Amino acid sequence: MIHINRICMILFLTCIWCGILVDFSVINVITGLLLGTYCNLLLIRKSTGGSINLYRLFLLLAYVAYELVNSGIQLAWDILTPGTRSQPAILEIPTKCRNNLEKTVLANIISLTPGTITIDINNTNNTLIVHAMFARDTKKVVEFIQQKLETKVIRMFTYD
């Protein structure tokens, strides 16, 4: 039985497909539905054994958008003002991610944020190697990634 969450995700992916093509014709909607079904039911299920919770996906996207703006302003301020406030550091961040897809999503969100980049995903000891420009307190940076970003990424995936 298909859950309402999966149907909403398929419709969401269909809208993205038609939005990218800027054409909501019948053939594009059908193609979008087929691609959305394939992505949701086969790819995500095969790689994680579960699916994506649409509500939590929107919460994650909203939070990431907020962090992108916030980090961008901080980085721009540091560039435009005299002197520098940056204290770069390379951090090893242990993760609780259960599979490679969760690790990849988390690593990409970190890399999207201005001033940080994921250097490596270490699968043997389940850690991410991250370069952060503003790491005065490395413990706070690690806690932020673990408690805010990682928690939201893990909650986004549901397992049946």
C-alpha atoms as a PDB file:
ATOM      1  CA  MET A   1       0.000   0.000   0.000  1.00  0.00           C
ATOM      2  CA  ILE A   2       1.329   3.440  -0.934  1.00  0.00           C
ATOM      3  CA  HIS A   3       1.410   5.906   1.943  1.00  0.00           C
ATOM      4  CA  ILE A   4       0.040   9.433   1.529  1.00  0.00           C
ATOM      5  CA  ASN A   5       3.581  10.706   2.118  1.00  0.00           C
ATOM      6  CA  ARG A   6       4.833   8.861  -0.973  1.00  0.00           C
ATOM      7  CA  ILE A   7       1.978  10.187  -3.092  1.00  0.00           C
ATOM      8  CA  CYS A   8       2.752  13.736  -1.969  1.00  0.00           C
ATOM      9  CA  MET A   9       6.441  13.215  -2.740  1.00  0.00           C
ATOM     10  CA  ILE A  10       5.621  11.900  -6.224  1.00  0.00           C
ATOM     11  CA  LEU A  11       3.405  14.933  -6.865  1.00  0.00           C
ATOM     12  CA  PHE A  12       6.115  17.242  -5.519  1.00  0.00           C
ATOM     13  CA  LEU A  13       8.735  15.689  -7.829  1.00  0.00           C
ATOM     14  CA  THR A  14       6.280  15.956 -10.740  1.00  0.00           C
ATOM     15  CA  CYS A  15       5.840  19.671 -10.067  1.00  0.00           C
ATOM     16  CA  ILE A  16       9.612  20.129  -9.925  1.00  0.00           C
ATOM     17  CA  TRP A  17       9.956  18.252 -13.237  1.00  0.00           C
ATOM     18  CA  CYS A  18       7.318  20.391 -14.958  1.00  0.00           C
ATOM     19  CA  GLY A  19       8.727  23.532 -13.348  1.00  0.00           C
ATOM     20  CA  ILE A  20      12.204  22.804 -14.687  1.00  0.00           C
ATOM     21  CA  LEU A  21      10.745  22.298 -18.170  1.00  0.00           C
ATOM     22  CA  VAL A  22       8.401  25.305 -17.703  1.00  0.00           C
ATOM     23  CA  ASP A  23       5.668  23.268 -19.367  1.00  0.00           C
ATOM     24  CA  PHE A  24       2.738  21.599 -17.619  1.00  0.00           C
ATOM     25  CA  SER A  25       1.514  19.694 -20.676  1.00  0.00           C
ATOM     26  CA  VAL A  26      -0.095  16.271 -20.300  1.00  0.00           C
ATOM     27  CA  ILE A  27       2.979  14.406 -21.559  1.00  0.00           C
ATOM     28  CA  ASN A  28       5.273  16.271 -19.149  1.00  0.00           C
ATOM     29  CA  VAL A  29       2.954  15.607 -16.210  1.00  0.00           C
ATOM     30  CA  ILE A  30       2.825  11.891 -17.091  1.00  0.00           C
ATOM     31  CA  THR A  31       6.621  11.811 -17.503  1.00  0.00           C
ATOM     32  CA  GLY A  32       6.999  13.632 -14.186  1.00  0.00           C
ATOM     33  CA  LEU A  33       4.705  11.159 -12.460  1.00  0.00           C
ATOM     34  CA  LEU A  34       6.679   8.232 -13.860  1.00  0.00           C
ATOM     35  CA  LEU A  35      10.042   9.766 -12.889  1.00  0.00           C
ATOM     36  CA  GLY A  36       8.708  10.751  -9.464  1.00  0.00           C
ATOM     37  CA  THR A  37       7.426   7.233  -8.887  1.00  0.00           C
ATOM     38  CA  TYR A  38      10.718   5.736  -9.999  1.00  0.00           C
ATOM     39  CA  CYS A  39      12.760   8.066  -7.783  1.00  0.00           C
ATOM     40  CA  ASN A  40      10.552   7.646  -4.746  1.00  0.00           C
ATOM     41  CA  LEU A  41       9.682   3.986  -4.832  1.00  0.00           C
ATOM     42  CA  LEU A  42      12.766   2.460  -6.374  1.00  0.00           C
ATOM     43  CA  LEU A  43      15.846   4.640  -5.886  1.00  0.00           C
ATOM     44  CA  ILE A  44      15.214   5.960  -2.379  1.00  0.00           C
ATOM     45  CA  ARG A  45      13.714   2.691  -1.153  1.00  0.00           C
ATOM     46  CA  LYS A  46      16.571   0.650  -2.627  1.00  0.00           C
ATOM     47  CA  SER A  47      19.341   2.822  -1.186  1.00  0.00           C
ATOM     48  CA  THR A  48      17.823   3.419   2.266  1.00  0.00           C
ATOM     49  CA  GLY A  49      15.139   0.803   2.757  1.00  0.00           C
ATOM     50  CA  GLY A  50      12.693   3.629   3.439  1.00  0.00           C
ATOM     51  CA  SER A  51      11.317   6.841   2.026  1.00  0.00           C
ATOM     52  CA  ILE A  52      11.448  10.591   2.574  1.00  0.00           C
ATOM     53  CA  ASN A  53       9.026  12.311   4.942  1.00  0.00           C
ATOM     54  CA  LEU A  54       7.762  15.239   2.866  1.00  0.00           C
ATOM     55  CA  TYR A  55       6.910  17.470   5.829  1.00  0.00           C
ATOM     56  CA  ARG A  56      10.379  17.021   7.319  1.00  0.00           C
ATOM     57  CA  LEU A  57      11.933  17.606   3.893  1.00  0.00           C
ATOM     58  CA  PHE A  58      10.234  21.014   3.761  1.00  0.00           C
ATOM     59  CA  LEU A  59      11.385  21.777   7.312  1.00  0.00           C
ATOM     60  CA  LEU A  60      14.948  20.835   6.359  1.00  0.00           C
ATOM     61  CA  LEU A  61      14.825  22.954   3.186  1.00  0.00           C
ATOM     62  CA  ALA A  62      13.508  25.958   5.125  1.00  0.00           C
ATOM     63  CA  TYR A  63      16.183  25.554   7.800  1.00  0.00           C
ATOM     64  CA  VAL A  64      18.956  25.162   5.208  1.00  0.00           C
ATOM     65  CA  ALA A  65      17.702  28.278   3.371  1.00  0.00           C
ATOM     66  CA  TYR A  66      17.834  30.219   6.654  1.00  0.00           C
ATOM     67  CA  GLU A  67      21.363  28.964   7.367  1.00  0.00           C
ATOM     68  CA  LEU A  68      22.494  29.801   3.820  1.00  0.00           C
ATOM     69  CA  VAL A  69      21.359  33.397   4.223  1.00  0.00           C
ATOM     70  CA  ASN A  70      22.794  33.671   7.728  1.00  0.00           C
ATOM     71  CA  SER A  71      26.183  32.197   6.744  1.00  0.00           C
ATOM     72  CA  GLY A  72      26.291  34.240   3.555  1.00  0.00           C
ATOM     73  CA  ILE A  73      25.787  37.464   5.522  1.00  0.00           C
ATOM     74  CA  GLN A  74      28.488  36.447   8.023  1.00  0.00           C
ATOM     75  CA  LEU A  75      30.922  35.628   5.214  1.00  0.00           C
ATOM     76  CA  ALA A  76      30.135  38.831   3.281  1.00  0.00           C
ATOM     77  CA  TRP A  77      30.586  40.903   6.437  1.00  0.00           C
ATOM     78  CA  ASP A  78      33.982  39.310   7.047  1.00  0.00           C
ATOM     79  CA  ILE A  79      35.057  40.015   3.460  1.00  0.00           C
ATOM     80  CA  LEU A  80      33.797  43.605   3.325  1.00  0.00           C
ATOM     81  CA  THR A  81      35.063  44.821   6.705  1.00  0.00           C
ATOM     82  CA  PRO A  82      38.729  45.431   7.558  1.00  0.00           C
ATOM     83  CA  GLY A  83      40.528  42.669   9.382  1.00  0.00           C
ATOM     84  CA  THR A  84      39.268  39.153   9.618  1.00  0.00           C
ATOM     85  CA  ARG A  85      37.113  37.310  12.101  1.00  0.00           C
ATOM     86  CA  SER A  86      37.637  33.932  10.548  1.00  0.00           C
ATOM     87  CA  GLN A  87      39.454  31.194  12.397  1.00  0.00           C
ATOM     88  CA  PRO A  88      39.572  28.262  10.003  1.00  0.00           C
ATOM     89  CA  ALA A  89      39.754  24.706  11.269  1.00  0.00           C
ATOM     90  CA  ILE A  90      39.523  21.191   9.922  1.00  0.00           C
ATOM     91  CA  LEU A  91      37.144  19.126  12.039  1.00  0.00           C
ATOM     92  CA  GLU A  92      36.399  15.431  12.284  1.00  0.00           C
ATOM     93  CA  ILE A  93      32.697  15.111  12.985  1.00  0.00           C
ATOM     94  CA  PRO A  94      31.264  11.730  14.050  1.00  0.00           C
ATOM     95  CA  THR A  95      27.853  11.038  12.538  1.00  0.00           C
ATOM     96  CA  LYS A  96      24.885   8.878  13.412  1.00  0.00           C
ATOM     97  CA  CYS A  97      23.840   8.576   9.763  1.00  0.00           C
ATOM     98  CA  ARG A  98      22.561   5.088   9.043  1.00  0.00           C
ATOM     99  CA  ASN A  99      23.493   4.822   5.359  1.00  0.00           C
ATOM    100  CA  ASN A 100      25.446   6.471   2.545  1.00  0.00           C
ATOM    101  CA  LEU A 101      22.482   8.508   1.283  1.00  0.00           C
ATOM    102  CA  GLU A 102      22.045  10.226   4.655  1.00  0.00           C
ATOM    103  CA  LYS A 103      25.798  10.908   4.841  1.00  0.00           C
ATOM    104  CA  THR A 104      25.799  12.325   1.316  1.00  0.00           C
ATOM    105  CA  VAL A 105      22.823  14.613   1.984  1.00  0.00           C
ATOM    106  CA  LEU A 106      24.441  15.879   5.190  1.00  0.00           C
ATOM    107  CA  ALA A 107      27.817  16.393   3.471  1.00  0.00           C
ATOM    108  CA  ASN A 108      26.183  18.322   0.628  1.00  0.00           C
ATOM    109  CA  ILE A 109      24.234  20.570   3.000  1.00  0.00           C
ATOM    110  CA  ILE A 110      27.452  21.349   4.866  1.00  0.00           C
ATOM    111  CA  SER A 111      29.234  22.119   1.590  1.00  0.00           C
ATOM    112  CA  LEU A 112      26.374  24.350   0.390  1.00  0.00           C
ATOM    113  CA  THR A 113      26.692  26.551   3.443  1.00  0.00           C
ATOM    114  CA  PRO A 114      29.105  29.453   2.796  1.00  0.00           C
ATOM    115  CA  GLY A 115      32.278  29.109   4.855  1.00  0.00           C
ATOM    116  CA  THR A 116      32.157  25.329   5.215  1.00  0.00           C
ATOM    117  CA  ILE A 117      33.010  22.425   2.964  1.00  0.00           C
ATOM    118  CA  THR A 118      33.022  18.682   3.467  1.00  0.00           C
ATOM    119  CA  ILE A 119      36.454  17.359   2.556  1.00  0.00           C
ATOM    120  CA  ASP A 120      35.869  13.645   3.069  1.00  0.00           C
ATOM    121  CA  ILE A 121      33.301  11.094   4.179  1.00  0.00           C
ATOM    122  CA  ASN A 122      35.069   8.406   6.175  1.00  0.00           C
ATOM    123  CA  ASN A 123      32.894   5.286   6.126  1.00  0.00           C
ATOM    124  CA  THR A 124      35.215   3.160   8.264  1.00  0.00           C
ATOM    125  CA  ASN A 125      34.682   5.187  11.429  1.00  0.00           C
ATOM    126  CA  ASN A 126      31.502   7.005  10.290  1.00  0.00           C
ATOM    127  CA  THR A 127      32.891  10.557  10.329  1.00  0.00           C
ATOM    128  CA  LEU A 128      32.872  13.613   8.114  1.00  0.00           C
ATOM    129  CA  ILE A 129      35.997  15.706   7.643  1.00  0.00           C
ATOM    130  CA  VAL A 130      34.859  19.341   7.398  1.00  0.00           C
ATOM    131  CA  HIS A 131      36.697  22.623   6.840  1.00  0.00           C
ATOM    132  CA  ALA A 132      34.999  25.522   8.631  1.00  0.00           C
ATOM    133  CA  MET A 133      36.088  29.149   8.234  1.00  0.00           C
ATOM    134  CA  PHE A 134      34.475  30.406  11.427  1.00  0.00           C
ATOM    135  CA  ALA A 135      35.452  27.817  14.028  1.00  0.00           C
ATOM    136  CA  ARG A 136      36.460  29.813  17.086  1.00  0.00           C
ATOM    137  CA  ASP A 137      34.821  27.207  19.262  1.00  0.00           C
ATOM    138  CA  THR A 138      35.212  23.882  17.464  1.00  0.00           C
ATOM    139  CA  LYS A 139      32.899  22.102  19.926  1.00  0.00           C
ATOM    140  CA  LYS A 140      30.056  24.470  19.035  1.00  0.00           C
ATOM    141  CA  VAL A 141      30.583  23.865  15.311  1.00  0.00           C
ATOM    142  CA  VAL A 142      30.537  20.080  15.836  1.00  0.00           C
ATOM    143  CA  GLU A 143      27.446  20.319  18.076  1.00  0.00           C
ATOM    144  CA  PHE A 144      25.688  22.539  15.534  1.00  0.00           C
ATOM    145  CA  ILE A 145      26.280  20.052  12.713  1.00  0.00           C
ATOM    146  CA  GLN A 146      25.335  17.052  14.845  1.00  0.00           C
ATOM    147  CA  GLN A 147      22.344  18.484  16.709  1.00  0.00           C
ATOM    148  CA  LYS A 148      20.835  20.745  14.053  1.00  0.00           C
ATOM    149  CA  LEU A 149      21.758  19.539  10.567  1.00  0.00           C
ATOM    150  CA  GLU A 150      22.361  15.822  11.129  1.00  0.00           C
ATOM    151  CA  THR A 151      19.262  15.373  13.273  1.00  0.00           C
ATOM    152  CA  LYS A 152      17.065  17.026  10.636  1.00  0.00           C
ATOM    153  CA  VAL A 153      18.591  14.923   7.832  1.00  0.00           C
ATOM    154  CA  ILE A 154      18.100  11.661   9.750  1.00  0.00           C
ATOM    155  CA  ARG A 155      14.498  12.555  10.674  1.00  0.00           C
ATOM    156  CA  MET A 156      13.715  13.278   7.017  1.00  0.00           C
ATOM    157  CA  PHE A 157      14.159   9.596   6.123  1.00  0.00           C
ATOM    158  CA  THR A 158      11.499   7.154   7.324  1.00  0.00           C
ATOM    159  CA  TYR A 159      11.919   3.402   7.443  1.00  0.00           C
ATOM    160  CA  ASP A 160       8.997   1.005   7.191  1.00  0.00           C
END
